[in-house]
Amino acid sequence: MGSNPTARATFKTYSVSKIKTYFNETYHEMVHNVTWPTWKELQNNTIIVVIASIMIALMIFVMDFLFGISPAKDPFWKGLLGYFYTIKF
């Protein structure tokens, strides 16, 4: 481009034109070509995701509780690995 003001103006117009075209095509795609789920499908899928998230969180909690080592030297529960580490040979 260099110092040619006409070339810079043409480039700027071309860039703005491409951005406008991009947004127009995106809007058209989202409105006319995307198959959106129904409200009932959305609710069912949300419930499945929430239940799966809770189950995974509980599994991680149980594994952490069973195998974890308490950094505060908790006398109540050290985890199985905590007991193995305290065994003196």
N, C-alpha and C. Protein backbone atom coordinates (compact mmCIF):
# COMPACT_ATOMS: atom_id res chain seq x y z
N MET A 1 0.81 -1.17 0.00
CA MET A 1 0.00 0.00 0.00
C MET A 1 0.87 1.25 0.00
N GLY A 2 1.84 1.30 0.82
CA GLY A 2 2.74 2.44 0.85
C GLY A 2 2.04 3.70 1.33
N SER A 3 2.39 4.82 0.70
CA SER A 3 1.82 6.09 1.13
C SER A 3 0.70 6.55 0.22
N ASN A 4 0.20 5.69 -0.62
CA ASN A 4 -0.87 6.05 -1.55
C ASN A 4 -2.20 6.11 -0.80
N PRO A 5 -2.80 7.30 -0.60
CA PRO A 5 -4.06 7.40 0.16
C PRO A 5 -5.22 6.70 -0.53
N THR A 6 -5.21 6.63 -1.84
CA THR A 6 -6.29 5.95 -2.57
C THR A 6 -6.27 4.46 -2.28
N ALA A 7 -5.07 3.88 -2.24
CA ALA A 7 -4.94 2.45 -1.97
C ALA A 7 -5.40 2.14 -0.56
N ARG A 8 -5.06 3.01 0.40
CA ARG A 8 -5.49 2.79 1.79
C ARG A 8 -7.01 2.86 1.90
N ALA A 9 -7.63 3.82 1.25
CA ALA A 9 -9.09 3.96 1.30
C ALA A 9 -9.77 2.75 0.67
N THR A 10 -9.21 2.25 -0.44
CA THR A 10 -9.76 1.08 -1.11
C THR A 10 -9.65 -0.14 -0.20
N PHE A 11 -8.50 -0.30 0.47
CA PHE A 11 -8.29 -1.43 1.37
C PHE A 11 -9.27 -1.35 2.54
N LYS A 12 -9.46 -0.16 3.11
CA LYS A 12 -10.36 0.01 4.25
C LYS A 12 -11.79 -0.31 3.84
N THR A 13 -12.22 0.16 2.68
CA THR A 13 -13.56 -0.11 2.18
C THR A 13 -13.74 -1.61 1.94
N TYR A 14 -12.72 -2.24 1.38
CA TYR A 14 -12.77 -3.66 1.11
C TYR A 14 -12.88 -4.44 2.42
N SER A 15 -12.14 -4.06 3.45
CA SER A 15 -12.19 -4.76 4.73
C SER A 15 -13.55 -4.61 5.39
N VAL A 16 -14.10 -3.41 5.38
CA VAL A 16 -15.42 -3.18 5.97
C VAL A 16 -16.47 -3.96 5.20
N SER A 17 -16.33 -4.02 3.89
CA SER A 17 -17.26 -4.76 3.07
C SER A 17 -17.22 -6.26 3.41
N LYS A 18 -16.02 -6.79 3.62
CA LYS A 18 -15.89 -8.21 3.98
C LYS A 18 -16.50 -8.49 5.35
N ILE A 19 -16.31 -7.58 6.29
CA ILE A 19 -16.87 -7.77 7.63
C ILE A 19 -18.40 -7.74 7.57
N LYS A 20 -18.94 -6.80 6.81
CA LYS A 20 -20.40 -6.71 6.66
C LYS A 20 -20.96 -7.98 6.02
N THR A 21 -20.28 -8.46 4.99
CA THR A 21 -20.70 -9.70 4.33
C THR A 21 -20.65 -10.88 5.30
N TYR A 22 -19.61 -10.93 6.11
CA TYR A 22 -19.48 -12.02 7.09
C TYR A 22 -20.67 -12.03 8.04
N PHE A 23 -21.03 -10.87 8.60
CA PHE A 23 -22.13 -10.81 9.54
C PHE A 23 -23.47 -11.10 8.87
N ASN A 24 -23.65 -10.65 7.65
CA ASN A 24 -24.89 -10.97 6.93
C ASN A 24 -25.02 -12.47 6.68
N GLU A 25 -23.94 -13.10 6.27
CA GLU A 25 -23.98 -14.54 6.03
C GLU A 25 -24.17 -15.33 7.33
N THR A 26 -23.55 -14.85 8.40
CA THR A 26 -23.72 -15.51 9.69
C THR A 26 -25.17 -15.43 10.14
N TYR A 27 -25.78 -14.26 10.02
CA TYR A 27 -27.18 -14.09 10.39
C TYR A 27 -28.07 -15.02 9.56
N HIS A 28 -27.84 -15.06 8.26
CA HIS A 28 -28.64 -15.91 7.38
C HIS A 28 -28.49 -17.38 7.80
N GLU A 29 -27.28 -17.81 8.09
CA GLU A 29 -27.03 -19.19 8.50
C GLU A 29 -27.78 -19.52 9.80
N MET A 30 -27.69 -18.61 10.79
CA MET A 30 -28.32 -18.87 12.09
C MET A 30 -29.85 -18.88 12.00
N VAL A 31 -30.41 -18.06 11.13
CA VAL A 31 -31.86 -17.95 11.04
C VAL A 31 -32.47 -19.04 10.15
N HIS A 32 -31.82 -19.34 9.04
CA HIS A 32 -32.45 -20.21 8.05
C HIS A 32 -31.90 -21.64 8.01
N ASN A 33 -30.69 -21.86 8.42
CA ASN A 33 -30.10 -23.19 8.23
C ASN A 33 -29.87 -23.98 9.52
N VAL A 34 -29.92 -23.32 10.66
CA VAL A 34 -29.67 -24.01 11.92
C VAL A 34 -30.98 -24.62 12.43
N THR A 35 -30.91 -25.86 12.87
CA THR A 35 -32.06 -26.52 13.47
C THR A 35 -31.96 -26.35 14.98
N TRP A 36 -32.81 -25.51 15.54
CA TRP A 36 -32.77 -25.24 16.96
C TRP A 36 -33.61 -26.28 17.70
N PRO A 37 -33.19 -26.67 18.93
CA PRO A 37 -33.98 -27.64 19.69
C PRO A 37 -35.27 -27.00 20.20
N THR A 38 -36.25 -27.85 20.43
CA THR A 38 -37.49 -27.36 21.02
C THR A 38 -37.24 -27.09 22.51
N TRP A 39 -38.18 -26.39 23.14
CA TRP A 39 -38.04 -26.06 24.55
C TRP A 39 -37.98 -27.33 25.40
N LYS A 40 -38.77 -28.32 25.07
CA LYS A 40 -38.79 -29.58 25.82
C LYS A 40 -37.45 -30.32 25.67
N GLU A 41 -36.91 -30.36 24.45
CA GLU A 41 -35.61 -31.00 24.24
C GLU A 41 -34.51 -30.28 25.02
N LEU A 42 -34.57 -28.96 25.04
CA LEU A 42 -33.59 -28.18 25.77
C LEU A 42 -33.66 -28.46 27.27
N GLN A 43 -34.86 -28.55 27.80
CA GLN A 43 -35.03 -28.87 29.22
C GLN A 43 -34.50 -30.26 29.54
N ASN A 44 -34.84 -31.24 28.71
CA ASN A 44 -34.38 -32.61 28.95
C ASN A 44 -32.85 -32.70 28.89
N ASN A 45 -32.25 -32.06 27.91
CA ASN A 45 -30.79 -32.11 27.79
C ASN A 45 -30.12 -31.39 28.95
N THR A 46 -30.73 -30.32 29.43
CA THR A 46 -30.17 -29.60 30.57
C THR A 46 -30.21 -30.46 31.82
N ILE A 47 -31.30 -31.17 32.02
CA ILE A 47 -31.41 -32.07 33.18
C ILE A 47 -30.35 -33.16 33.10
N ILE A 48 -30.14 -33.72 31.92
CA ILE A 48 -29.12 -34.77 31.75
C ILE A 48 -27.74 -34.23 32.09
N VAL A 49 -27.42 -33.03 31.63
CA VAL A 49 -26.10 -32.45 31.90
C VAL A 49 -25.93 -32.17 33.39
N VAL A 50 -26.96 -31.66 34.04
CA VAL A 50 -26.87 -31.37 35.48
C VAL A 50 -26.67 -32.66 36.27
N ILE A 51 -27.42 -33.70 35.95
CA ILE A 51 -27.29 -34.97 36.67
C ILE A 51 -25.91 -35.58 36.44
N ALA A 52 -25.43 -35.55 35.19
CA ALA A 52 -24.09 -36.09 34.90
C ALA A 52 -23.02 -35.29 35.63
N SER A 53 -23.16 -33.98 35.71
CA SER A 53 -22.18 -33.14 36.41
C SER A 53 -22.15 -33.46 37.89
N ILE A 54 -23.32 -33.64 38.49
CA ILE A 54 -23.38 -33.98 39.92
C ILE A 54 -22.76 -35.35 40.17
N MET A 55 -23.05 -36.32 39.30
CA MET A 55 -22.48 -37.66 39.48
C MET A 55 -20.96 -37.63 39.37
N ILE A 56 -20.42 -36.92 38.40
CA ILE A 56 -18.97 -36.84 38.24
C ILE A 56 -18.35 -36.12 39.43
N ALA A 57 -18.99 -35.05 39.92
CA ALA A 57 -18.47 -34.34 41.08
C ALA A 57 -18.46 -35.25 42.31
N LEU A 58 -19.51 -36.05 42.49
CA LEU A 58 -19.55 -36.98 43.62
C LEU A 58 -18.48 -38.06 43.50
N MET A 59 -18.25 -38.57 42.29
CA MET A 59 -17.19 -39.57 42.11
C MET A 59 -15.83 -38.99 42.45
N ILE A 60 -15.57 -37.76 42.01
CA ILE A 60 -14.29 -37.12 42.32
C ILE A 60 -14.17 -36.89 43.82
N PHE A 61 -15.26 -36.48 44.48
CA PHE A 61 -15.23 -36.28 45.92
C PHE A 61 -14.92 -37.58 46.66
N VAL A 62 -15.57 -38.67 46.24
CA VAL A 62 -15.33 -39.95 46.90
C VAL A 62 -13.89 -40.41 46.69
N MET A 63 -13.37 -40.26 45.47
CA MET A 63 -11.98 -40.66 45.24
C MET A 63 -11.03 -39.78 46.04
N ASP A 64 -11.30 -38.50 46.13
CA ASP A 64 -10.46 -37.60 46.90
C ASP A 64 -10.53 -37.93 48.38
N PHE A 65 -11.72 -38.27 48.86
CA PHE A 65 -11.90 -38.61 50.26
C PHE A 65 -11.20 -39.91 50.61
N LEU A 66 -11.30 -40.91 49.73
CA LEU A 66 -10.70 -42.20 50.01
C LEU A 66 -9.18 -42.20 49.85
N PHE A 67 -8.68 -41.59 48.79
CA PHE A 67 -7.27 -41.69 48.48
C PHE A 67 -6.47 -40.44 48.79
N GLY A 68 -7.14 -39.37 49.13
CA GLY A 68 -6.45 -38.11 49.34
C GLY A 68 -5.71 -38.06 50.65
N ILE A 69 -4.77 -37.15 50.70
CA ILE A 69 -4.02 -36.91 51.93
C ILE A 69 -4.37 -35.51 52.38
N SER A 70 -4.78 -35.39 53.64
CA SER A 70 -5.15 -34.08 54.15
C SER A 70 -3.89 -33.28 54.43
N PRO A 71 -3.74 -32.12 53.81
CA PRO A 71 -2.53 -31.33 54.03
C PRO A 71 -2.47 -30.73 55.43
N ALA A 72 -3.61 -30.62 56.14
CA ALA A 72 -3.63 -30.02 57.47
C ALA A 72 -3.42 -31.05 58.57
N LYS A 73 -2.98 -32.23 58.22
CA LYS A 73 -2.78 -33.31 59.20
C LYS A 73 -4.06 -33.55 60.01
N ASP A 74 -5.14 -33.70 59.29
CA ASP A 74 -6.45 -33.92 59.89
C ASP A 74 -6.46 -35.27 60.61
N PRO A 75 -6.72 -35.28 61.90
CA PRO A 75 -6.72 -36.57 62.62
C PRO A 75 -7.93 -37.42 62.27
N PHE A 76 -8.99 -36.82 61.73
CA PHE A 76 -10.19 -37.58 61.43
C PHE A 76 -10.00 -38.52 60.25
N TRP A 77 -9.44 -38.01 59.15
CA TRP A 77 -9.31 -38.86 57.97
C TRP A 77 -8.11 -38.43 57.15
N LYS A 78 -7.21 -39.36 56.94
CA LYS A 78 -6.03 -39.08 56.14
C LYS A 78 -6.14 -39.67 54.75
N GLY A 79 -7.14 -40.46 54.52
CA GLY A 79 -7.25 -41.16 53.26
C GLY A 79 -6.41 -42.44 53.33
N LEU A 80 -6.66 -43.35 52.43
CA LEU A 80 -5.91 -44.61 52.44
C LEU A 80 -4.43 -44.39 52.20
N LEU A 81 -4.10 -43.49 51.27
CA LEU A 81 -2.70 -43.22 51.02
C LEU A 81 -2.04 -42.56 52.22
N GLY A 82 -2.80 -41.75 52.94
CA GLY A 82 -2.26 -41.12 54.14
C GLY A 82 -1.88 -42.14 55.17
N TYR A 83 -2.66 -43.18 55.32
CA TYR A 83 -2.32 -44.25 56.26
C TYR A 83 -1.10 -45.04 55.78
N PHE A 84 -0.99 -45.28 54.49
CA PHE A 84 0.19 -46.00 53.97
C PHE A 84 1.45 -45.18 54.19
N TYR A 85 1.35 -43.85 54.05
CA TYR A 85 2.53 -43.02 54.23
C TYR A 85 2.95 -42.91 55.69
N THR A 86 2.04 -43.12 56.61
CA THR A 86 2.40 -43.03 58.04
C THR A 86 2.94 -44.33 58.59
N ILE A 87 2.87 -45.40 57.83
CA ILE A 87 3.40 -46.69 58.29
C ILE A 87 4.92 -46.62 58.29
N LYS A 88 5.51 -46.94 59.42
CA LYS A 88 6.96 -46.94 59.55
C LYS A 88 7.49 -48.37 59.37
N PHE A 89 8.41 -48.51 58.46
CA PHE A 89 8.99 -49.84 58.21
C PHE A 89 10.31 -49.96 58.89
